[in-house]
Protein backbone atom coordinates (compact mmCIF):
# COMPACT_ATOMS: atom_id res chain seq x y z
CA UNK A 1 -14.62 1.81 4.53
CA UNK A 2 -12.97 -0.71 6.87
CA UNK A 3 -10.91 -0.03 9.43
CA UNK A 4 -8.65 -2.81 8.75
CA UNK A 5 -6.16 -2.62 5.83
CA UNK A 6 -6.82 -4.87 2.87
CA UNK A 7 -2.81 -5.83 2.67
CA UNK A 8 -0.97 -7.41 -0.20
CA UNK A 9 2.62 -8.98 0.70
CA UNK A 10 4.80 -9.16 -2.32
CA UNK A 11 7.95 -10.92 -1.57
CA UNK A 12 9.98 -13.81 -3.48
CA UNK A 13 11.06 -15.61 -0.23
CA UNK A 14 8.21 -18.13 0.74
CA UNK A 15 9.47 -18.39 4.42
CA UNK A 16 9.40 -14.68 4.75
CA UNK A 17 5.99 -14.39 3.45
CA UNK A 18 4.44 -17.04 5.66
CA UNK A 19 6.03 -15.58 8.80
CA UNK A 20 5.13 -12.00 8.12
CA UNK A 21 1.59 -13.19 6.93
CA UNK A 22 0.98 -14.99 10.43
CA UNK A 23 2.69 -12.16 12.50
CA UNK A 24 0.34 -9.63 10.90
CA UNK A 25 -2.57 -12.08 11.03
CA UNK A 26 -2.27 -12.24 14.92
CA UNK A 27 -2.50 -8.57 15.00
CA UNK A 28 -5.57 -8.58 12.89
CA UNK A 29 -4.41 -7.77 9.60
CA UNK A 30 -5.61 -10.18 7.20
CA UNK A 31 -2.76 -10.56 4.57
CA UNK A 32 -2.73 -11.88 0.96
CA UNK A 33 0.71 -12.75 -0.08
CA UNK A 34 2.26 -13.44 -3.67
CA UNK A 35 5.71 -14.23 -4.48
CA UNK A 36 6.31 -12.13 -7.79
CA UNK A 37 5.77 -8.82 -9.09
CA UNK A 38 3.55 -10.39 -11.95
CA UNK A 39 1.39 -12.20 -9.47
CA UNK A 40 1.06 -9.02 -7.66
CA UNK A 41 -0.14 -7.21 -10.66
CA UNK A 42 -2.57 -9.86 -11.43
CA UNK A 43 -3.70 -9.78 -7.98
CA UNK A 44 -4.30 -6.21 -7.93
CA UNK A 45 -6.57 -6.70 -11.08
CA UNK A 46 -8.91 -8.84 -9.48
CA UNK A 47 -9.28 -7.67 -6.04
CA UNK A 48 -9.30 -4.43 -4.02
CA UNK A 49 -6.22 -3.55 -1.58
CA UNK A 50 -5.22 -0.57 0.51
CA UNK A 51 -1.58 -1.14 1.39
CA UNK A 52 1.21 -3.18 -0.49
CA UNK A 53 4.23 -4.41 1.47
CA UNK A 54 6.78 -4.68 -1.77
CA UNK A 55 10.12 -6.41 -1.72
CA UNK A 56 12.78 -4.72 -4.05
CA UNK A 57 14.66 -7.64 -5.27
CA UNK A 58 12.83 -10.19 -6.82
CA UNK A 59 13.46 -12.50 -10.19
CA UNK A 60 11.77 -10.85 -13.10
CA UNK A 61 10.26 -7.61 -12.58
CA UNK A 62 11.90 -5.81 -9.46
CA UNK A 63 9.96 -4.05 -6.88
CA UNK A 64 10.54 -0.53 -8.61
CA UNK A 65 9.08 -1.82 -11.96
CA UNK A 66 6.19 -3.33 -10.04
CA UNK A 67 5.59 0.00 -8.02
CA UNK A 68 5.81 1.89 -11.45
CA UNK A 69 2.91 -0.56 -12.66
CA UNK A 70 1.11 -0.42 -9.45
CA UNK A 71 0.55 3.16 -9.48
CA UNK A 72 -0.67 3.07 -13.10
CA UNK A 73 -3.32 0.56 -11.90
CA UNK A 74 -4.37 2.27 -8.91
CA UNK A 75 -2.56 5.51 -7.87
CA UNK A 76 -4.22 5.73 -4.62
CA UNK A 77 -2.64 2.37 -3.27
CA UNK A 78 -0.11 2.82 -0.70
CA UNK A 79 3.31 1.02 -1.26
CA UNK A 80 5.56 0.28 1.39
CA UNK A 81 8.98 -1.25 0.25
CA UNK A 82 10.82 -3.96 2.16
CA UNK A 83 14.24 -4.84 1.14
CA UNK A 84 17.46 -6.34 2.60
CA UNK A 85 19.51 -4.27 0.83
CA UNK A 86 19.86 -0.50 1.41
CA UNK A 87 20.43 1.80 -1.56
CA UNK A 88 19.88 5.53 -1.37
CA UNK A 89 19.28 5.54 -5.29
CA UNK A 90 16.65 3.04 -4.70
CA UNK A 91 14.95 4.95 -2.00
CA UNK A 92 14.75 8.06 -4.03
CA UNK A 93 13.47 6.06 -6.93
CA UNK A 94 10.68 4.71 -4.74
CA UNK A 95 9.61 8.23 -3.33
CA UNK A 96 9.76 9.61 -6.65
CA UNK A 97 7.25 6.85 -7.95
CA UNK A 98 5.04 7.76 -5.21
CA UNK A 99 6.07 4.99 -2.52
CA UNK A 100 4.73 5.58 1.22
CA UNK A 101 7.92 4.44 2.64
CA UNK A 102 10.89 2.22 2.66
CA UNK A 103 12.19 -0.10 5.29
CA UNK A 104 15.11 -2.23 5.84
CA UNK A 105 14.72 -6.06 6.39
CA UNK A 106 14.72 -7.27 9.15
CA UNK A 107 12.39 -4.55 10.81
CA UNK A 108 10.22 -4.74 13.99
CA UNK A 109 6.60 -5.92 13.64
CA UNK A 110 5.82 -2.74 15.93
CA UNK A 111 7.67 -0.63 13.26
CA UNK A 112 5.94 -2.23 10.20
CA UNK A 113 2.52 -2.04 12.00
CA UNK A 114 3.12 1.70 12.38
CA UNK A 115 3.93 2.00 8.67
CA UNK A 116 0.91 -0.06 7.41
CA UNK A 117 -1.16 1.98 9.99
CA UNK A 118 0.01 5.28 8.43
CA UNK A 119 -0.13 4.20 4.89
CA UNK A 120 -3.85 3.22 5.47
CA UNK A 121 -5.12 6.41 7.31
CA UNK A 122 -3.33 8.34 4.25
CA UNK A 123 -5.42 6.12 1.79
CA UNK A 124 -8.47 6.52 3.88
CA UNK A 125 -7.80 10.35 4.19
CA UNK A 126 -7.38 10.76 0.55
CA UNK A 127 -10.40 8.66 -0.35
CA UNK A 128 -12.66 10.95 2.30
CA UNK A 129 -11.18 14.41 0.51
CA UNK A 130 -12.04 12.72 -3.12
CA UNK A 131 -15.62 11.65 -1.85
CA UNK A 132 -16.07 15.27 -0.13
CA UNK A 133 -14.92 17.03 -3.41
CA UNK A 134 -17.56 14.75 -5.69
CA UNK A 135 -20.48 15.16 -3.41
CA UNK A 136 -23.05 17.85 -4.65
CA UNK A 137 -22.65 21.00 -3.30
CA UNK A 138 -25.90 22.84 -1.72
CA UNK A 139 -25.73 26.56 -2.01
CA UNK A 140 -27.83 28.31 0.53
CA UNK A 141 -29.74 31.30 -0.21
CA UNK A 142 -31.38 33.98 2.08
CA UNK A 143 -32.72 32.41 5.30
CA UNK A 144 -30.15 29.66 4.85
CA UNK A 145 -32.47 27.80 2.67
CA UNK A 146 -31.15 25.68 -0.36
CA UNK A 147 -31.75 27.45 -3.79
């Protein structure tokens, strides 16, 4: 498993996508970026990702609807919501649907990197637990030898 997260950025503002992609790229995080929820879902069906940065307010599907669909496609994906519009109800919905965290735009790149790192670590830990749980168990008999 890679120590660099595979990141998908979903935001309808092209300038924001371009700027954030460059800022994260400089820090060693390759970013795929799309401009709508529909594009994000198509991208997720064709390539694996670890962490998704998702805007709430977009034309077509909003971020809450996209989050619900993402979790149907792959419940293990970690989703960080980025929004310029604070809402207690939206934050509650996001957490209820399995979102990792909720950040207000603009936020510092350092703060965003901390969230990305935390989300990626949580995904890796979950995968490791799942892998360990599905590994064949060897039961030791007398003398410590497998039976």
